[in-house]
Amino acid sequence: MDTLDKYLIRELVIYFLLVLIGISALAVGVDFLSKFWSAGVPFSQAMEIYLYKIPKAVQQFVPVAALMATLLVLSTMS
């Protein structure tokens, strides 16, 4: 592998993980606020429910994160 390939792969993985974590956290957080905050569910029970929902959210946002990471890496190249 060339140095350029290693650099691009590293940057792609970093941006991919950041975007994936950010979008998933945002989606789960908005869902949490809309459903459980107003219903008065205890925080510990709500977090337990959302721990089971995180894998589905991650699975749904992988394609979006891959596209956004690719666009970010290519746009930062000069």
C-alpha atoms as a PDB file:
ATOM      1  CA  MET A   1       0.000   0.000   0.000  1.00  0.00           C
ATOM      2  CA  ASP A   2       1.179   3.452  -0.814  1.00  0.00           C
ATOM      3  CA  THR A   3       1.419   6.192   1.748  1.00  0.00           C
ATOM      4  CA  LEU A   4      -1.461   7.990   0.048  1.00  0.00           C
ATOM      5  CA  ASP A   5      -3.672   4.900   0.313  1.00  0.00           C
ATOM      6  CA  LYS A   6      -2.960   4.567   4.031  1.00  0.00           C
ATOM      7  CA  TYR A   7      -3.700   8.242   4.575  1.00  0.00           C
ATOM      8  CA  LEU A   8      -6.994   8.098   2.678  1.00  0.00           C
ATOM      9  CA  ILE A   9      -8.156   4.930   4.418  1.00  0.00           C
ATOM     10  CA  ARG A  10      -7.285   6.368   7.829  1.00  0.00           C
ATOM     11  CA  GLU A  11      -9.142   9.601   7.104  1.00  0.00           C
ATOM     12  CA  LEU A  12     -12.118   7.705   5.690  1.00  0.00           C
ATOM     13  CA  VAL A  13     -12.397   5.495   8.773  1.00  0.00           C
ATOM     14  CA  ILE A  14     -12.122   8.476  11.127  1.00  0.00           C
ATOM     15  CA  TYR A  15     -14.794  10.483   9.326  1.00  0.00           C
ATOM     16  CA  PHE A  16     -16.998   7.407   8.929  1.00  0.00           C
ATOM     17  CA  LEU A  17     -16.976   6.649  12.647  1.00  0.00           C
ATOM     18  CA  LEU A  18     -17.522  10.282  13.620  1.00  0.00           C
ATOM     19  CA  VAL A  19     -20.457  10.701  11.261  1.00  0.00           C
ATOM     20  CA  LEU A  20     -21.974   7.340  12.212  1.00  0.00           C
ATOM     21  CA  ILE A  21     -21.763   8.040  15.935  1.00  0.00           C
ATOM     22  CA  GLY A  22     -23.058  11.568  15.487  1.00  0.00           C
ATOM     23  CA  ILE A  23     -26.056  10.688  13.344  1.00  0.00           C
ATOM     24  CA  SER A  24     -26.974   7.674  15.485  1.00  0.00           C
ATOM     25  CA  ALA A  25     -26.722   9.686  18.701  1.00  0.00           C
ATOM     26  CA  LEU A  26     -28.815  12.460  17.216  1.00  0.00           C
ATOM     27  CA  ALA A  27     -31.529  10.072  16.022  1.00  0.00           C
ATOM     28  CA  VAL A  28     -31.683   8.167  19.306  1.00  0.00           C
ATOM     29  CA  GLY A  29     -31.608  11.414  21.306  1.00  0.00           C
ATOM     30  CA  VAL A  30     -34.469  12.987  19.384  1.00  0.00           C
ATOM     31  CA  ASP A  31     -36.489   9.799  19.708  1.00  0.00           C
ATOM     32  CA  PHE A  32     -35.762   9.719  23.435  1.00  0.00           C
ATOM     33  CA  LEU A  33     -36.881  13.294  23.960  1.00  0.00           C
ATOM     34  CA  SER A  34     -40.055  12.887  21.967  1.00  0.00           C
ATOM     35  CA  LYS A  35     -41.205   9.637  23.587  1.00  0.00           C
ATOM     36  CA  PHE A  36     -39.892   9.265  27.104  1.00  0.00           C
ATOM     37  CA  TRP A  37     -39.256  12.754  28.410  1.00  0.00           C
ATOM     38  CA  SER A  38     -42.906  13.772  28.319  1.00  0.00           C
ATOM     39  CA  ALA A  39     -44.143  10.385  29.587  1.00  0.00           C
ATOM     40  CA  GLY A  40     -42.122  10.532  32.809  1.00  0.00           C
ATOM     41  CA  VAL A  41     -40.317   7.222  32.297  1.00  0.00           C
ATOM     42  CA  PRO A  42     -37.318   6.799  34.655  1.00  0.00           C
ATOM     43  CA  PHE A  43     -34.004   7.551  32.991  1.00  0.00           C
ATOM     44  CA  SER A  44     -32.498   4.119  33.744  1.00  0.00           C
ATOM     45  CA  GLN A  45     -35.374   2.290  32.047  1.00  0.00           C
ATOM     46  CA  ALA A  46     -35.245   4.581  29.031  1.00  0.00           C
ATOM     47  CA  MET A  47     -31.486   4.026  28.643  1.00  0.00           C
ATOM     48  CA  GLU A  48     -31.976   0.269  28.846  1.00  0.00           C
ATOM     49  CA  ILE A  49     -34.511   0.429  26.029  1.00  0.00           C
ATOM     50  CA  TYR A  50     -32.258   2.607  23.893  1.00  0.00           C
ATOM     51  CA  LEU A  51     -29.244   0.374  24.390  1.00  0.00           C
ATOM     52  CA  TYR A  52     -31.212  -2.223  22.463  1.00  0.00           C
ATOM     53  CA  LYS A  53     -32.169   0.292  19.770  1.00  0.00           C
ATOM     54  CA  ILE A  54     -28.622   1.483  19.015  1.00  0.00           C
ATOM     55  CA  PRO A  55     -27.642  -1.462  16.736  1.00  0.00           C
ATOM     56  CA  LYS A  56     -30.675  -0.872  14.519  1.00  0.00           C
ATOM     57  CA  ALA A  57     -29.916   2.842  14.300  1.00  0.00           C
ATOM     58  CA  VAL A  58     -26.294   2.117  13.400  1.00  0.00           C
ATOM     59  CA  GLN A  59     -27.390  -0.349  10.720  1.00  0.00           C
ATOM     60  CA  GLN A  60     -29.748   2.194   9.190  1.00  0.00           C
ATOM     61  CA  PHE A  61     -27.169   4.981   9.064  1.00  0.00           C
ATOM     62  CA  VAL A  62     -24.132   3.069   7.724  1.00  0.00           C
ATOM     63  CA  PRO A  63     -24.822   3.986   4.062  1.00  0.00           C
ATOM     64  CA  VAL A  64     -25.360   7.651   4.934  1.00  0.00           C
ATOM     65  CA  ALA A  65     -22.198   7.721   7.029  1.00  0.00           C
ATOM     66  CA  ALA A  66     -20.184   6.085   4.237  1.00  0.00           C
ATOM     67  CA  LEU A  67     -21.393   8.636   1.711  1.00  0.00           C
ATOM     68  CA  MET A  68     -20.784  11.592   4.000  1.00  0.00           C
ATOM     69  CA  ALA A  69     -17.335  10.330   5.020  1.00  0.00           C
ATOM     70  CA  THR A  70     -16.351   9.900   1.378  1.00  0.00           C
ATOM     71  CA  LEU A  71     -17.548  13.393   0.538  1.00  0.00           C
ATOM     72  CA  LEU A  72     -15.710  14.873   3.510  1.00  0.00           C
ATOM     73  CA  VAL A  73     -12.442  13.097   2.688  1.00  0.00           C
ATOM     74  CA  LEU A  74     -12.586  14.058  -0.962  1.00  0.00           C
ATOM     75  CA  SER A  75     -13.483  17.655  -0.164  1.00  0.00           C
ATOM     76  CA  THR A  76     -10.574  18.052   2.263  1.00  0.00           C
ATOM     77  CA  MET A  77      -8.045  16.889  -0.307  1.00  0.00           C
ATOM     78  CA  SER A  78      -6.293  19.839  -1.878  1.00  0.00           C
END
